[in-house]
Amino acid sequence: MRSRYTAFYLGEADYLLKTWHPSTRPKTLTFDPAQHWLGLKIIACQGGQKSDSQGDVEFLARYKIQGRAYRLQETSRFLHLAEGWVYLDGDIRDNA
């Protein structure tokens, strides 16, 4: 999860796509140049150990766009494939 957050922060689309499950991976990614990531907090983890085939990570990411602060809270699901851990999908928590 931390490596994917860092990739979003740095705009590393290739890494994000490589670590995304093929069944849910978009063809391309675009980044909003006005979006500035501020921080990541891991709230909870379940599974995701070497012997596990799946894992969940609940996180809170903060960012700003044109001076306005936003929060993204999601529980992400990951699967362990031969090539390593990949992001499958997630449930976004409504922060309204």
C-alpha atoms as a PDB file:
ATOM      1  CA  MET A   1       0.000   0.000   0.000  1.00  0.00           C
ATOM      2  CA  ARG A   2       2.760   2.441   0.870  1.00  0.00           C
ATOM      3  CA  SER A   3       4.539   1.811  -2.426  1.00  0.00           C
ATOM      4  CA  ARG A   4       1.328   2.488  -4.366  1.00  0.00           C
ATOM      5  CA  TYR A   5       0.733   5.714  -2.423  1.00  0.00           C
ATOM      6  CA  THR A   6       4.293   6.784  -3.243  1.00  0.00           C
ATOM      7  CA  ALA A   7       3.679   5.962  -6.907  1.00  0.00           C
ATOM      8  CA  PHE A   8       0.560   8.162  -6.889  1.00  0.00           C
ATOM      9  CA  TYR A   9       2.591  10.909  -5.204  1.00  0.00           C
ATOM     10  CA  LEU A  10       5.316  10.662  -7.856  1.00  0.00           C
ATOM     11  CA  GLY A  11       2.954  10.090 -10.799  1.00  0.00           C
ATOM     12  CA  GLU A  12       4.447   6.663 -11.584  1.00  0.00           C
ATOM     13  CA  ALA A  13       1.665   5.226 -13.764  1.00  0.00           C
ATOM     14  CA  ASP A  14       3.762   2.287 -14.988  1.00  0.00           C
ATOM     15  CA  TYR A  15       4.312   1.011 -11.440  1.00  0.00           C
ATOM     16  CA  LEU A  16       0.654   1.434 -10.516  1.00  0.00           C
ATOM     17  CA  LEU A  17      -0.516  -0.453 -13.596  1.00  0.00           C
ATOM     18  CA  LYS A  18       2.062  -3.210 -13.016  1.00  0.00           C
ATOM     19  CA  THR A  19       0.805  -3.701  -9.441  1.00  0.00           C
ATOM     20  CA  TRP A  20      -2.898  -3.717 -10.417  1.00  0.00           C
ATOM     21  CA  HIS A  21      -4.770  -6.997 -10.937  1.00  0.00           C
ATOM     22  CA  PRO A  22      -5.351  -7.623 -14.667  1.00  0.00           C
ATOM     23  CA  SER A  23      -9.114  -8.125 -14.176  1.00  0.00           C
ATOM     24  CA  THR A  24      -9.623  -4.625 -12.739  1.00  0.00           C
ATOM     25  CA  ARG A  25      -6.653  -2.680 -14.149  1.00  0.00           C
ATOM     26  CA  PRO A  26      -7.491   0.342 -16.326  1.00  0.00           C
ATOM     27  CA  LYS A  27      -5.764   0.688 -19.700  1.00  0.00           C
ATOM     28  CA  THR A  28      -4.191   4.008 -18.746  1.00  0.00           C
ATOM     29  CA  LEU A  29      -3.905   6.360 -15.792  1.00  0.00           C
ATOM     30  CA  THR A  30      -3.901  10.127 -15.790  1.00  0.00           C
ATOM     31  CA  PHE A  31      -2.956  12.368 -12.904  1.00  0.00           C
ATOM     32  CA  ASP A  32      -4.371  15.759 -11.965  1.00  0.00           C
ATOM     33  CA  PRO A  33      -1.370  18.128 -11.886  1.00  0.00           C
ATOM     34  CA  ALA A  34      -3.241  20.308  -9.352  1.00  0.00           C
ATOM     35  CA  GLN A  35      -3.512  17.408  -6.879  1.00  0.00           C
ATOM     36  CA  HIS A  36      -0.851  17.411  -4.159  1.00  0.00           C
ATOM     37  CA  TRP A  37      -0.667  14.397  -1.853  1.00  0.00           C
ATOM     38  CA  LEU A  38      -0.076  15.259   1.808  1.00  0.00           C
ATOM     39  CA  GLY A  39       0.124  11.983   3.681  1.00  0.00           C
ATOM     40  CA  LEU A  40      -0.919   8.386   4.190  1.00  0.00           C
ATOM     41  CA  LYS A  41      -2.131   6.721   7.388  1.00  0.00           C
ATOM     42  CA  ILE A  42      -2.640   2.962   7.547  1.00  0.00           C
ATOM     43  CA  ILE A  43      -5.668   2.308   9.748  1.00  0.00           C
ATOM     44  CA  ALA A  44      -5.916  -1.481   9.669  1.00  0.00           C
ATOM     45  CA  CYS A  45      -4.495  -4.527   7.893  1.00  0.00           C
ATOM     46  CA  GLN A  46      -5.870  -8.018   7.617  1.00  0.00           C
ATOM     47  CA  GLY A  47      -3.978 -10.877   5.973  1.00  0.00           C
ATOM     48  CA  GLY A  48      -1.212 -10.028   3.557  1.00  0.00           C
ATOM     49  CA  GLN A  49       1.455 -12.220   5.144  1.00  0.00           C
ATOM     50  CA  LYS A  50       3.786 -14.466   3.115  1.00  0.00           C
ATOM     51  CA  SER A  51       1.515 -17.456   3.643  1.00  0.00           C
ATOM     52  CA  ASP A  52      -1.679 -15.546   2.698  1.00  0.00           C
ATOM     53  CA  SER A  53      -3.220 -15.364  -0.758  1.00  0.00           C
ATOM     54  CA  GLN A  54      -5.071 -12.139  -0.048  1.00  0.00           C
ATOM     55  CA  GLY A  55      -5.013  -9.128   2.226  1.00  0.00           C
ATOM     56  CA  ASP A  56      -6.962  -5.985   3.043  1.00  0.00           C
ATOM     57  CA  VAL A  57      -5.596  -2.566   3.954  1.00  0.00           C
ATOM     58  CA  GLU A  58      -7.728   0.271   5.282  1.00  0.00           C
ATOM     59  CA  PHE A  59      -6.033   3.625   4.794  1.00  0.00           C
ATOM     60  CA  LEU A  60      -6.600   7.356   4.881  1.00  0.00           C
ATOM     61  CA  ALA A  61      -4.811   9.518   2.315  1.00  0.00           C
ATOM     62  CA  ARG A  62      -4.904  13.297   2.414  1.00  0.00           C
ATOM     63  CA  TYR A  63      -4.415  15.638  -0.520  1.00  0.00           C
ATOM     64  CA  LYS A  64      -5.071  19.185  -1.698  1.00  0.00           C
ATOM     65  CA  ILE A  65      -6.373  20.608  -4.939  1.00  0.00           C
ATOM     66  CA  GLN A  66      -6.065  24.369  -5.396  1.00  0.00           C
ATOM     67  CA  GLY A  67      -5.643  24.875  -1.651  1.00  0.00           C
ATOM     68  CA  ARG A  68      -8.690  22.827  -0.648  1.00  0.00           C
ATOM     69  CA  ALA A  69      -8.042  19.752   1.523  1.00  0.00           C
ATOM     70  CA  TYR A  70      -9.559  16.331   0.773  1.00  0.00           C
ATOM     71  CA  ARG A  71      -9.464  12.888   2.350  1.00  0.00           C
ATOM     72  CA  LEU A  72      -9.658   9.495   0.695  1.00  0.00           C
ATOM     73  CA  GLN A  73     -10.467   6.604   3.018  1.00  0.00           C
ATOM     74  CA  GLU A  74     -10.598   3.173   1.435  1.00  0.00           C
ATOM     75  CA  THR A  75     -10.345  -0.489   2.284  1.00  0.00           C
ATOM     76  CA  SER A  76      -8.223  -1.952  -0.507  1.00  0.00           C
ATOM     77  CA  ARG A  77      -8.141  -5.626  -1.432  1.00  0.00           C
ATOM     78  CA  PHE A  78      -4.895  -7.210  -2.605  1.00  0.00           C
ATOM     79  CA  LEU A  79      -4.167 -10.649  -4.051  1.00  0.00           C
ATOM     80  CA  HIS A  80      -0.872 -12.497  -4.026  1.00  0.00           C
ATOM     81  CA  LEU A  81      -0.003 -13.765  -7.513  1.00  0.00           C
ATOM     82  CA  ALA A  82       3.173 -15.395  -8.818  1.00  0.00           C
ATOM     83  CA  GLU A  83       4.600 -11.932  -9.611  1.00  0.00           C
ATOM     84  CA  GLY A  84       3.778 -10.573  -6.153  1.00  0.00           C
ATOM     85  CA  TRP A  85       1.037  -8.568  -4.434  1.00  0.00           C
ATOM     86  CA  VAL A  86      -1.409  -6.718  -6.690  1.00  0.00           C
ATOM     87  CA  TYR A  87      -4.262  -4.310  -5.991  1.00  0.00           C
ATOM     88  CA  LEU A  88      -7.640  -5.856  -6.853  1.00  0.00           C
ATOM     89  CA  ASP A  89     -10.207  -3.237  -5.829  1.00  0.00           C
ATOM     90  CA  GLY A  90     -11.428  -1.211  -2.890  1.00  0.00           C
ATOM     91  CA  ASP A  91     -14.371   0.181  -1.012  1.00  0.00           C
ATOM     92  CA  ILE A  92     -14.223   3.945  -0.575  1.00  0.00           C
ATOM     93  CA  ARG A  93     -15.666   5.317   2.626  1.00  0.00           C
ATOM     94  CA  ASP A  94     -17.897   8.341   2.151  1.00  0.00           C
ATOM     95  CA  ASN A  95     -16.186  11.235   3.902  1.00  0.00           C
ATOM     96  CA  ALA A  96     -18.878  13.773   3.118  1.00  0.00           C
END
